[in-house]
Amino acid sequence: MKEIGGYMELDTYGLPMLHRGALALNCGRNCLAFLAGARKIRRIALPYFLCGCVGDVCRREGVETRHYHIGPDFRPVEPELREGEWLYVVNYYGQLDDRFLEGLAERHGRVIVDNAQAYFRMPAAGVDTLYTCRKFFGVADGAFLYTDAAPEGELPRDESFGRMNFLLGRYEHGAAGFYPEYVRNDLSFGGEPVRRMSRLTENLLHGIDYGAVERRRTENFRILHGAFREVNRLELSVPEGAFMYPLYIRNGAAARKRLLEEKIYIPTLWPDAGGDAGERDMAENILPLPVDQRYGREEMEYMVRKINHVRKEL
């Protein structure tokens, strides 16, 4: 029976949700797990420059993997696909445009695009494309998958209330004390089965002004690019609704440590990435600078000053 009365719960939000036409799942890696089953994928080519969790999903699903290189423009050095093999392409920092991605699909046919870093980029036509919510918004889980592959039977719905403490704690106390919980939450998805997105996460995603978020992220990226264009070793376009600003400098790893002392938290994405010396140097020395909706021009200019000061000292 429906409950009536009692104490107040979280409000139900009704704003339009981006990607509401996609299959809503519980996490990004399970989008790949879903496709592995639905598409009967048995072989896949992955970039070396990648989080190890993707390879973990493939092993769990019995998918044979091999690796290919990317260039300094983040574009794949395209391998010759074997019979029945799929190509997994990461849209790093939203730098791969639709024309390029559609060209990959035309040449190879069996392509999966990982748009975890390009939430505001709609999928290329006819290409299986996945998105991760928690890289862009204050949610504990959630992902979207564009595909014409249908699930076999009804997927159970996930629950998120037990994962929310690190988000609520950071809101009232700051990041440092709750970072271990954040890490544990991230690691927990390794054993999660494929489920539908939780009601809680879906509700929170209905409470977001996506237009405002997209504009703020784009403008923050543009400010940083204006400040660092001449020193950045990457040639970048300005993506709409950017993920982070990738600043590739010499001594980036040392700068990251110094910035930590200033409470500017710059992650090392894919510290376990393989590949050649160039790819390993990118993983170590690219500084993914935050451009998200929590910040504006004041924070961007503050960050520019701190980074330039650190660069002069190194």
C-alpha atoms as a PDB file:
ATOM      1  CA  MET A   1       0.000   0.000   0.000  1.00  0.00           C
ATOM      2  CA  LYS A   2       1.123   3.576  -0.687  1.00  0.00           C
ATOM      3  CA  GLU A   3       2.287   5.442   2.425  1.00  0.00           C
ATOM      4  CA  ILE A   4       0.487   8.669   3.293  1.00  0.00           C
ATOM      5  CA  GLY A   5       1.723  11.131   5.897  1.00  0.00           C
ATOM      6  CA  GLY A   6       4.647  10.854   8.259  1.00  0.00           C
ATOM      7  CA  TYR A   7       7.893  12.837   8.070  1.00  0.00           C
ATOM      8  CA  MET A   8       8.969  14.680   4.931  1.00  0.00           C
ATOM      9  CA  GLU A   9      11.200  12.929   2.432  1.00  0.00           C
ATOM     10  CA  LEU A  10      13.442  14.275  -0.322  1.00  0.00           C
ATOM     11  CA  ASP A  11      11.443  16.372  -2.770  1.00  0.00           C
ATOM     12  CA  THR A  12      10.582  14.908  -6.144  1.00  0.00           C
ATOM     13  CA  TYR A  13      12.037  17.031  -8.937  1.00  0.00           C
ATOM     14  CA  GLY A  14      10.524  17.542 -12.347  1.00  0.00           C
ATOM     15  CA  LEU A  15      13.005  19.374 -14.581  1.00  0.00           C
ATOM     16  CA  PRO A  16      13.811  17.727 -17.920  1.00  0.00           C
ATOM     17  CA  MET A  17      16.643  15.216 -17.591  1.00  0.00           C
ATOM     18  CA  LEU A  18      19.396  15.107 -20.196  1.00  0.00           C
ATOM     19  CA  HIS A  19      19.672  11.700 -21.941  1.00  0.00           C
ATOM     20  CA  ARG A  20      16.190  10.746 -20.815  1.00  0.00           C
ATOM     21  CA  GLY A  21      15.797   8.779 -24.063  1.00  0.00           C
ATOM     22  CA  ALA A  22      18.727   6.490 -23.266  1.00  0.00           C
ATOM     23  CA  LEU A  23      18.836   3.301 -21.205  1.00  0.00           C
ATOM     24  CA  ALA A  24      19.452   4.431 -17.607  1.00  0.00           C
ATOM     25  CA  LEU A  25      21.795   2.055 -15.743  1.00  0.00           C
ATOM     26  CA  ASN A  26      23.574   2.027 -12.393  1.00  0.00           C
ATOM     27  CA  CYS A  27      27.179   2.764 -13.505  1.00  0.00           C
ATOM     28  CA  GLY A  28      29.293   3.396 -16.576  1.00  0.00           C
ATOM     29  CA  ARG A  29      31.219   0.147 -16.494  1.00  0.00           C
ATOM     30  CA  ASN A  30      27.947  -1.768 -16.496  1.00  0.00           C
ATOM     31  CA  CYS A  31      27.008  -0.080 -19.755  1.00  0.00           C
ATOM     32  CA  LEU A  32      29.919  -2.018 -21.242  1.00  0.00           C
ATOM     33  CA  ALA A  33      28.877  -5.169 -19.368  1.00  0.00           C
ATOM     34  CA  PHE A  34      25.355  -4.805 -20.778  1.00  0.00           C
ATOM     35  CA  LEU A  35      26.701  -4.413 -24.327  1.00  0.00           C
ATOM     36  CA  ALA A  36      29.027  -7.386 -23.908  1.00  0.00           C
ATOM     37  CA  GLY A  37      26.012  -9.577 -23.248  1.00  0.00           C
ATOM     38  CA  ALA A  38      23.505  -7.963 -25.587  1.00  0.00           C
ATOM     39  CA  ARG A  39      25.938  -7.728 -28.531  1.00  0.00           C
ATOM     40  CA  LYS A  40      27.630 -11.043 -27.688  1.00  0.00           C
ATOM     41  CA  ILE A  41      31.019  -9.337 -27.732  1.00  0.00           C
ATOM     42  CA  ARG A  42      33.910 -11.765 -27.404  1.00  0.00           C
ATOM     43  CA  ARG A  43      36.827  -9.583 -28.538  1.00  0.00           C
ATOM     44  CA  ILE A  44      37.478  -5.892 -28.025  1.00  0.00           C
ATOM     45  CA  ALA A  45      40.332  -3.467 -28.710  1.00  0.00           C
ATOM     46  CA  LEU A  46      40.915  -0.990 -25.847  1.00  0.00           C
ATOM     47  CA  PRO A  47      43.218   2.037 -25.696  1.00  0.00           C
ATOM     48  CA  TYR A  48      46.266   1.733 -23.441  1.00  0.00           C
ATOM     49  CA  PHE A  49      45.333   5.173 -22.054  1.00  0.00           C
ATOM     50  CA  LEU A  50      42.418   3.937 -19.967  1.00  0.00           C
ATOM     51  CA  CYS A  51      41.180   3.182 -16.473  1.00  0.00           C
ATOM     52  CA  GLY A  52      41.885  -0.419 -15.465  1.00  0.00           C
ATOM     53  CA  CYS A  53      38.236  -0.940 -14.494  1.00  0.00           C
ATOM     54  CA  VAL A  54      37.270  -1.285 -18.175  1.00  0.00           C
ATOM     55  CA  GLY A  55      39.627  -4.237 -18.565  1.00  0.00           C
ATOM     56  CA  ASP A  56      38.213  -5.674 -15.337  1.00  0.00           C
ATOM     57  CA  VAL A  57      34.698  -5.588 -16.816  1.00  0.00           C
ATOM     58  CA  CYS A  58      35.920  -7.370 -19.934  1.00  0.00           C
ATOM     59  CA  ARG A  59      37.561 -10.123 -17.888  1.00  0.00           C
ATOM     60  CA  ARG A  60      34.425 -10.502 -15.783  1.00  0.00           C
ATOM     61  CA  GLU A  61      32.305 -10.838 -18.927  1.00  0.00           C
ATOM     62  CA  GLY A  62      34.710 -13.230 -20.652  1.00  0.00           C
ATOM     63  CA  VAL A  63      35.742 -10.735 -23.358  1.00  0.00           C
ATOM     64  CA  GLU A  64      39.225 -11.085 -24.854  1.00  0.00           C
ATOM     65  CA  THR A  65      41.123  -7.785 -24.955  1.00  0.00           C
ATOM     66  CA  ARG A  66      44.060  -6.258 -26.751  1.00  0.00           C
ATOM     67  CA  HIS A  67      45.302  -2.667 -26.732  1.00  0.00           C
ATOM     68  CA  TYR A  68      46.030   0.123 -29.178  1.00  0.00           C
ATOM     69  CA  HIS A  69      47.779   3.481 -28.935  1.00  0.00           C
ATOM     70  CA  ILE A  70      46.409   7.020 -29.083  1.00  0.00           C
ATOM     71  CA  GLY A  71      48.163  10.065 -30.498  1.00  0.00           C
ATOM     72  CA  PRO A  72      48.898  13.405 -28.794  1.00  0.00           C
ATOM     73  CA  ASP A  73      45.577  14.655 -30.228  1.00  0.00           C
ATOM     74  CA  PHE A  74      43.756  11.904 -28.251  1.00  0.00           C
ATOM     75  CA  ARG A  75      42.729  10.201 -31.496  1.00  0.00           C
ATOM     76  CA  PRO A  76      43.157   6.435 -31.726  1.00  0.00           C
ATOM     77  CA  VAL A  77      45.901   4.954 -33.839  1.00  0.00           C
ATOM     78  CA  GLU A  78      43.322   2.728 -35.432  1.00  0.00           C
ATOM     79  CA  PRO A  79      44.022  -0.997 -35.274  1.00  0.00           C
ATOM     80  CA  GLU A  80      42.928  -3.414 -37.964  1.00  0.00           C
ATOM     81  CA  LEU A  81      40.001  -5.142 -36.312  1.00  0.00           C
ATOM     82  CA  ARG A  82      39.953  -8.916 -36.247  1.00  0.00           C
ATOM     83  CA  GLU A  83      36.908 -10.989 -37.065  1.00  0.00           C
ATOM     84  CA  GLY A  84      34.120 -10.191 -34.629  1.00  0.00           C
ATOM     85  CA  GLU A  85      36.267  -7.677 -32.704  1.00  0.00           C
ATOM     86  CA  TRP A  86      34.884  -4.373 -31.385  1.00  0.00           C
ATOM     87  CA  LEU A  87      36.660  -1.017 -31.078  1.00  0.00           C
ATOM     88  CA  TYR A  88      36.299   0.849 -27.750  1.00  0.00           C
ATOM     89  CA  VAL A  89      36.916   4.568 -28.199  1.00  0.00           C
ATOM     90  CA  VAL A  90      37.259   7.091 -25.358  1.00  0.00           C
ATOM     91  CA  ASN A  91      36.243  10.670 -26.102  1.00  0.00           C
ATOM     92  CA  TYR A  92      39.001  12.189 -23.950  1.00  0.00           C
ATOM     93  CA  TYR A  93      37.980  15.604 -22.593  1.00  0.00           C
ATOM     94  CA  GLY A  94      35.330  15.816 -25.338  1.00  0.00           C
ATOM     95  CA  GLN A  95      37.984  16.387 -28.003  1.00  0.00           C
ATOM     96  CA  LEU A  96      36.650  13.888 -30.584  1.00  0.00           C
ATOM     97  CA  ASP A  97      33.909  15.429 -32.743  1.00  0.00           C
ATOM     98  CA  ASP A  98      30.904  13.695 -34.287  1.00  0.00           C
ATOM     99  CA  ARG A  99      32.372  13.620 -37.778  1.00  0.00           C
ATOM    100  CA  PHE A 100      35.425  11.739 -36.555  1.00  0.00           C
ATOM    101  CA  LEU A 101      33.384   9.292 -34.470  1.00  0.00           C
ATOM    102  CA  GLU A 102      30.929   8.645 -37.287  1.00  0.00           C
ATOM    103  CA  GLY A 103      33.893   8.029 -39.595  1.00  0.00           C
ATOM    104  CA  LEU A 104      35.214   5.412 -37.184  1.00  0.00           C
ATOM    105  CA  ALA A 105      31.840   3.692 -37.184  1.00  0.00           C
ATOM    106  CA  GLU A 106      31.696   3.727 -40.984  1.00  0.00           C
ATOM    107  CA  ARG A 107      35.178   2.230 -41.279  1.00  0.00           C
ATOM    108  CA  HIS A 108      34.922  -0.383 -38.543  1.00  0.00           C
ATOM    109  CA  GLY A 109      31.209  -1.018 -37.965  1.00  0.00           C
ATOM    110  CA  ARG A 110      31.605  -2.388 -34.442  1.00  0.00           C
ATOM    111  CA  VAL A 111      32.378   0.692 -32.321  1.00  0.00           C
ATOM    112  CA  ILE A 112      31.561   1.664 -28.719  1.00  0.00           C
ATOM    113  CA  VAL A 113      32.112   5.297 -27.714  1.00  0.00           C
ATOM    114  CA  ASP A 114      32.875   6.147 -24.093  1.00  0.00           C
ATOM    115  CA  ASN A 115      31.515   9.662 -23.523  1.00  0.00           C
ATOM    116  CA  ALA A 116      32.188   9.604 -19.772  1.00  0.00           C
ATOM    117  CA  GLN A 117      34.167  12.834 -20.294  1.00  0.00           C
ATOM    118  CA  ALA A 118      31.680  14.345 -22.758  1.00  0.00           C
ATOM    119  CA  TYR A 119      28.326  14.315 -20.992  1.00  0.00           C
ATOM    120  CA  PHE A 120      26.857  17.150 -23.066  1.00  0.00           C
ATOM    121  CA  ARG A 121      27.844  15.621 -26.413  1.00  0.00           C
ATOM    122  CA  MET A 122      24.941  13.743 -27.927  1.00  0.00           C
ATOM    123  CA  PRO A 123      25.794  10.350 -29.441  1.00  0.00           C
ATOM    124  CA  ALA A 124      26.991   9.982 -32.994  1.00  0.00           C
ATOM    125  CA  ALA A 125      24.266   8.467 -35.153  1.00  0.00           C
ATOM    126  CA  GLY A 126      23.906   4.720 -34.769  1.00  0.00           C
ATOM    127  CA  VAL A 127      26.904   4.290 -32.440  1.00  0.00           C
ATOM    128  CA  ASP A 128      26.613   2.570 -29.039  1.00  0.00           C
ATOM    129  CA  THR A 129      27.548   5.377 -26.620  1.00  0.00           C
ATOM    130  CA  LEU A 130      27.835   5.459 -22.834  1.00  0.00           C
ATOM    131  CA  TYR A 131      27.826   8.288 -20.271  1.00  0.00           C
ATOM    132  CA  THR A 132      28.691   8.431 -16.567  1.00  0.00           C
ATOM    133  CA  CYS A 133      26.732  10.811 -14.322  1.00  0.00           C
ATOM    134  CA  ARG A 134      28.969  11.105 -11.255  1.00  0.00           C
ATOM    135  CA  LYS A 135      31.858  12.716 -13.155  1.00  0.00           C
ATOM    136  CA  PHE A 136      29.633  15.739 -13.794  1.00  0.00           C
ATOM    137  CA  PHE A 137      27.093  15.910 -10.959  1.00  0.00           C
ATOM    138  CA  GLY A 138      26.752  15.301  -7.235  1.00  0.00           C
ATOM    139  CA  VAL A 139      25.349  11.785  -7.451  1.00  0.00           C
ATOM    140  CA  ALA A 140      26.797   8.534  -6.156  1.00  0.00           C
ATOM    141  CA  ASP A 141      26.172   6.453  -9.291  1.00  0.00           C
ATOM    142  CA  GLY A 142      24.230   6.365 -12.539  1.00  0.00           C
ATOM    143  CA  ALA A 143      24.954   6.063 -16.256  1.00  0.00           C
ATOM    144  CA  PHE A 144      23.227   6.267 -19.620  1.00  0.00           C
ATOM    145  CA  LEU A 145      23.616   4.045 -22.655  1.00  0.00           C
ATOM    146  CA  TYR A 146      22.448   4.764 -26.178  1.00  0.00           C
ATOM    147  CA  THR A 147      21.981   1.480 -28.013  1.00  0.00           C
ATOM    148  CA  ASP A 148      19.406  -0.392 -30.023  1.00  0.00           C
ATOM    149  CA  ALA A 149      20.344  -3.606 -28.201  1.00  0.00           C
ATOM    150  CA  ALA A 150      17.469  -4.688 -25.982  1.00  0.00           C
ATOM    151  CA  PRO A 151      17.879  -6.174 -22.478  1.00  0.00           C
ATOM    152  CA  GLU A 152      16.939  -9.789 -21.980  1.00  0.00           C
ATOM    153  CA  GLY A 153      14.095  -9.489 -19.514  1.00  0.00           C
ATOM    154  CA  GLU A 154      13.455  -6.808 -16.923  1.00  0.00           C
ATOM    155  CA  LEU A 155      16.521  -5.377 -15.194  1.00  0.00           C
ATOM    156  CA  PRO A 156      16.203  -4.927 -11.410  1.00  0.00           C
ATOM    157  CA  ARG A 157      16.468  -1.379 -10.080  1.00  0.00           C
ATOM    158  CA  ASP A 158      19.487  -0.284  -8.069  1.00  0.00           C
ATOM    159  CA  GLU A 159      19.329   1.575  -4.717  1.00  0.00           C
ATOM    160  CA  SER A 160      21.606   4.501  -3.832  1.00  0.00           C
ATOM    161  CA  PHE A 161      20.692   5.681  -0.330  1.00  0.00           C
ATOM    162  CA  GLY A 162      23.561   3.735   1.247  1.00  0.00           C
ATOM    163  CA  ARG A 163      26.133   5.405  -1.026  1.00  0.00           C
ATOM    164  CA  MET A 164      25.293   9.039  -0.311  1.00  0.00           C
ATOM    165  CA  ASN A 165      27.279   9.755   2.860  1.00  0.00           C
ATOM    166  CA  PHE A 166      30.467  11.002   1.186  1.00  0.00           C
ATOM    167  CA  LEU A 167      28.446  13.464  -0.901  1.00  0.00           C
ATOM    168  CA  LEU A 168      26.466  14.785   2.059  1.00  0.00           C
ATOM    169  CA  GLY A 169      29.601  14.915   4.195  1.00  0.00           C
ATOM    170  CA  ARG A 170      31.557  16.925   1.650  1.00  0.00           C
ATOM    171  CA  TYR A 171      28.669  19.363   1.299  1.00  0.00           C
ATOM    172  CA  GLU A 172      28.822  20.265   4.994  1.00  0.00           C
ATOM    173  CA  HIS A 173      32.456  19.556   5.943  1.00  0.00           C
ATOM    174  CA  GLY A 174      34.685  19.572   2.844  1.00  0.00           C
ATOM    175  CA  ALA A 175      36.377  16.928   0.709  1.00  0.00           C
ATOM    176  CA  ALA A 176      39.380  15.725   2.698  1.00  0.00           C
ATOM    177  CA  GLY A 177      37.574  13.891   5.501  1.00  0.00           C
ATOM    178  CA  PHE A 178      35.307  11.973   3.138  1.00  0.00           C
ATOM    179  CA  TYR A 179      37.741  11.132   0.348  1.00  0.00           C
ATOM    180  CA  PRO A 180      38.280   7.535   1.601  1.00  0.00           C
ATOM    181  CA  GLU A 181      34.522   6.965   1.361  1.00  0.00           C
ATOM    182  CA  TYR A 182      34.528   8.363  -2.160  1.00  0.00           C
ATOM    183  CA  VAL A 183      37.270   5.889  -3.115  1.00  0.00           C
ATOM    184  CA  ARG A 184      35.402   2.981  -1.523  1.00  0.00           C
ATOM    185  CA  ASN A 185      32.266   3.933  -3.414  1.00  0.00           C
ATOM    186  CA  ASP A 186      34.220   3.969  -6.668  1.00  0.00           C
ATOM    187  CA  LEU A 187      35.757   0.559  -5.986  1.00  0.00           C
ATOM    188  CA  SER A 188      32.400  -0.938  -5.039  1.00  0.00           C
ATOM    189  CA  PHE A 189      31.169  -0.876  -8.632  1.00  0.00           C
ATOM    190  CA  GLY A 190      33.627  -3.604  -9.587  1.00  0.00           C
ATOM    191  CA  GLY A 191      31.269  -6.247  -8.282  1.00  0.00           C
ATOM    192  CA  GLU A 192      27.931  -4.611  -9.030  1.00  0.00           C
ATOM    193  CA  PRO A 193      25.597  -6.455 -11.424  1.00  0.00           C
ATOM    194  CA  VAL A 194      23.867  -4.578 -14.242  1.00  0.00           C
ATOM    195  CA  ARG A 195      20.842  -2.796 -12.845  1.00  0.00           C
ATOM    196  CA  ARG A 196      18.597   0.079 -13.789  1.00  0.00           C
ATOM    197  CA  MET A 197      19.431   3.500 -12.376  1.00  0.00           C
ATOM    198  CA  SER A 198      18.133   4.028  -8.834  1.00  0.00           C
ATOM    199  CA  ARG A 199      15.055   6.147  -8.182  1.00  0.00           C
ATOM    200  CA  LEU A 200      17.152   8.428  -5.971  1.00  0.00           C
ATOM    201  CA  THR A 201      19.797   9.152  -8.615  1.00  0.00           C
ATOM    202  CA  GLU A 202      17.168   9.606 -11.310  1.00  0.00           C
ATOM    203  CA  ASN A 203      15.286  12.064  -9.104  1.00  0.00           C
ATOM    204  CA  LEU A 204      18.418  14.113  -8.405  1.00  0.00           C
ATOM    205  CA  LEU A 205      19.182  14.260 -12.125  1.00  0.00           C
ATOM    206  CA  HIS A 206      15.698  15.711 -12.674  1.00  0.00           C
ATOM    207  CA  GLY A 207      16.640  18.624 -10.378  1.00  0.00           C
ATOM    208  CA  ILE A 208      19.526  19.989 -12.503  1.00  0.00           C
ATOM    209  CA  ASP A 209      19.477  23.061 -14.763  1.00  0.00           C
ATOM    210  CA  TYR A 210      21.507  21.471 -17.554  1.00  0.00           C
ATOM    211  CA  GLY A 211      21.683  24.619 -19.651  1.00  0.00           C
ATOM    212  CA  ALA A 212      23.259  26.581 -16.795  1.00  0.00           C
ATOM    213  CA  VAL A 213      25.717  23.757 -16.037  1.00  0.00           C
ATOM    214  CA  GLU A 214      26.751  23.488 -19.676  1.00  0.00           C
ATOM    215  CA  ARG A 215      27.328  27.242 -20.002  1.00  0.00           C
ATOM    216  CA  ARG A 216      29.353  27.461 -16.787  1.00  0.00           C
ATOM    217  CA  ARG A 217      31.604  24.536 -17.694  1.00  0.00           C
ATOM    218  CA  THR A 218      32.169  25.867 -21.213  1.00  0.00           C
ATOM    219  CA  GLU A 219      33.053  29.353 -19.995  1.00  0.00           C
ATOM    220  CA  ASN A 220      35.401  28.069 -17.290  1.00  0.00           C
ATOM    221  CA  PHE A 221      37.225  25.920 -19.858  1.00  0.00           C
ATOM    222  CA  ARG A 222      37.488  28.951 -22.158  1.00  0.00           C
ATOM    223  CA  ILE A 223      39.018  31.080 -19.363  1.00  0.00           C
ATOM    224  CA  LEU A 224      41.676  28.463 -18.612  1.00  0.00           C
ATOM    225  CA  HIS A 225      42.416  27.906 -22.281  1.00  0.00           C
ATOM    226  CA  GLY A 226      42.905  31.628 -22.750  1.00  0.00           C
ATOM    227  CA  ALA A 227      45.393  31.662 -19.889  1.00  0.00           C
ATOM    228  CA  PHE A 228      47.318  28.489 -20.780  1.00  0.00           C
ATOM    229  CA  ARG A 229      47.005  28.141 -24.557  1.00  0.00           C
ATOM    230  CA  GLU A 230      50.634  29.185 -25.144  1.00  0.00           C
ATOM    231  CA  VAL A 231      52.138  26.760 -22.611  1.00  0.00           C
ATOM    232  CA  ASN A 232      49.806  23.797 -23.033  1.00  0.00           C
ATOM    233  CA  ARG A 233      51.423  21.011 -25.054  1.00  0.00           C
ATOM    234  CA  LEU A 234      47.960  19.958 -26.269  1.00  0.00           C
ATOM    235  CA  GLU A 235      46.073  21.497 -29.187  1.00  0.00           C
ATOM    236  CA  LEU A 236      42.530  21.790 -27.852  1.00  0.00           C
ATOM    237  CA  SER A 237      39.072  22.760 -29.019  1.00  0.00           C
ATOM    238  CA  VAL A 238      36.601  24.229 -26.506  1.00  0.00           C
ATOM    239  CA  PRO A 239      33.921  21.566 -25.865  1.00  0.00           C
ATOM    240  CA  GLU A 240      30.410  22.473 -24.806  1.00  0.00           C
ATOM    241  CA  GLY A 241      29.886  21.512 -21.157  1.00  0.00           C
ATOM    242  CA  ALA A 242      33.532  20.532 -20.658  1.00  0.00           C
ATOM    243  CA  PHE A 243      34.629  17.780 -18.272  1.00  0.00           C
ATOM    244  CA  MET A 244      37.978  19.251 -17.156  1.00  0.00           C
ATOM    245  CA  TYR A 245      40.713  21.362 -18.712  1.00  0.00           C
ATOM    246  CA  PRO A 246      43.716  19.144 -19.573  1.00  0.00           C
ATOM    247  CA  LEU A 247      46.857  21.217 -18.976  1.00  0.00           C
ATOM    248  CA  TYR A 248      49.842  19.272 -20.297  1.00  0.00           C
ATOM    249  CA  ILE A 249      53.097  20.764 -19.026  1.00  0.00           C
ATOM    250  CA  ARG A 250      56.545  19.559 -18.151  1.00  0.00           C
ATOM    251  CA  ASN A 251      56.853  18.750 -14.460  1.00  0.00           C
ATOM    252  CA  GLY A 252      53.091  18.347 -14.271  1.00  0.00           C
ATOM    253  CA  ALA A 253      53.411  15.615 -11.642  1.00  0.00           C
ATOM    254  CA  ALA A 254      55.529  17.869  -9.422  1.00  0.00           C
ATOM    255  CA  ALA A 255      53.099  20.750  -9.925  1.00  0.00           C
ATOM    256  CA  ARG A 256      50.219  18.492  -8.868  1.00  0.00           C
ATOM    257  CA  LYS A 257      51.913  17.826  -5.525  1.00  0.00           C
ATOM    258  CA  ARG A 258      52.552  21.529  -4.942  1.00  0.00           C
ATOM    259  CA  LEU A 259      48.979  22.446  -5.793  1.00  0.00           C
ATOM    260  CA  LEU A 260      47.720  19.888  -3.286  1.00  0.00           C
ATOM    261  CA  GLU A 261      49.405  21.984  -0.589  1.00  0.00           C
ATOM    262  CA  GLU A 262      47.251  24.890  -1.777  1.00  0.00           C
ATOM    263  CA  LYS A 263      44.108  22.705  -1.485  1.00  0.00           C
ATOM    264  CA  ILE A 264      43.757  22.581  -5.259  1.00  0.00           C
ATOM    265  CA  TYR A 265      42.977  18.918  -5.890  1.00  0.00           C
ATOM    266  CA  ILE A 266      44.130  17.726  -9.306  1.00  0.00           C
ATOM    267  CA  PRO A 267      43.603  14.005  -9.999  1.00  0.00           C
ATOM    268  CA  THR A 268      45.906  11.674 -11.865  1.00  0.00           C
ATOM    269  CA  LEU A 269      43.591  10.012 -14.350  1.00  0.00           C
ATOM    270  CA  TRP A 270      44.520   6.426 -15.185  1.00  0.00           C
ATOM    271  CA  PRO A 271      47.777   6.180 -13.181  1.00  0.00           C
ATOM    272  CA  ASP A 272      47.955   2.524 -14.232  1.00  0.00           C
ATOM    273  CA  ALA A 273      47.660   3.294 -17.956  1.00  0.00           C
ATOM    274  CA  GLY A 274      50.037   1.426 -20.234  1.00  0.00           C
ATOM    275  CA  GLY A 275      51.212   2.346 -23.704  1.00  0.00           C
ATOM    276  CA  ASP A 276      54.404   3.921 -24.968  1.00  0.00           C
ATOM    277  CA  ALA A 277      56.556   6.555 -23.305  1.00  0.00           C
ATOM    278  CA  GLY A 278      54.439   9.360 -24.747  1.00  0.00           C
ATOM    279  CA  GLU A 279      51.203   7.966 -23.346  1.00  0.00           C
ATOM    280  CA  ARG A 280      52.756   7.329 -19.940  1.00  0.00           C
ATOM    281  CA  ASP A 281      54.083  10.896 -19.898  1.00  0.00           C
ATOM    282  CA  MET A 282      50.600  12.202 -20.715  1.00  0.00           C
ATOM    283  CA  ALA A 283      49.085  10.207 -17.851  1.00  0.00           C
ATOM    284  CA  GLU A 284      51.682  11.560 -15.432  1.00  0.00           C
ATOM    285  CA  ASN A 285      51.943  15.194 -16.528  1.00  0.00           C
ATOM    286  CA  ILE A 286      48.480  16.208 -17.754  1.00  0.00           C
ATOM    287  CA  LEU A 287      46.786  18.249 -15.045  1.00  0.00           C
ATOM    288  CA  PRO A 288      42.983  17.850 -15.364  1.00  0.00           C
ATOM    289  CA  LEU A 289      41.882  21.200 -13.952  1.00  0.00           C
ATOM    290  CA  PRO A 290      38.333  21.513 -12.569  1.00  0.00           C
ATOM    291  CA  VAL A 291      35.948  23.645 -14.622  1.00  0.00           C
ATOM    292  CA  ASP A 292      32.686  22.423 -13.150  1.00  0.00           C
ATOM    293  CA  GLN A 293      29.559  24.305 -12.163  1.00  0.00           C
ATOM    294  CA  ARG A 294      30.678  24.944  -8.575  1.00  0.00           C
ATOM    295  CA  TYR A 295      33.105  27.584  -9.810  1.00  0.00           C
ATOM    296  CA  GLY A 296      33.211  30.769 -11.854  1.00  0.00           C
ATOM    297  CA  ARG A 297      35.689  33.321 -13.157  1.00  0.00           C
ATOM    298  CA  GLU A 298      37.004  34.179  -9.687  1.00  0.00           C
ATOM    299  CA  GLU A 299      38.054  30.575  -8.960  1.00  0.00           C
ATOM    300  CA  MET A 300      39.481  30.097 -12.465  1.00  0.00           C
ATOM    301  CA  GLU A 301      41.650  33.210 -12.190  1.00  0.00           C
ATOM    302  CA  TYR A 302      42.764  32.203  -8.691  1.00  0.00           C
ATOM    303  CA  MET A 303      43.782  28.793 -10.024  1.00  0.00           C
ATOM    304  CA  VAL A 304      45.671  30.389 -12.936  1.00  0.00           C
ATOM    305  CA  ARG A 305      47.680  32.544 -10.510  1.00  0.00           C
ATOM    306  CA  LYS A 306      48.555  29.592  -8.294  1.00  0.00           C
ATOM    307  CA  ILE A 307      49.569  27.395 -11.219  1.00  0.00           C
ATOM    308  CA  ASN A 308      51.717  30.083 -12.801  1.00  0.00           C
ATOM    309  CA  HIS A 309      53.432  30.657  -9.454  1.00  0.00           C
ATOM    310  CA  VAL A 310      54.150  26.937  -9.092  1.00  0.00           C
ATOM    311  CA  ARG A 311      55.414  26.706 -12.685  1.00  0.00           C
ATOM    312  CA  LYS A 312      57.946  29.479 -12.070  1.00  0.00           C
ATOM    313  CA  GLU A 313      59.273  27.670  -8.991  1.00  0.00           C
ATOM    314  CA  LEU A 314      59.710  24.281 -10.686  1.00  0.00           C
END
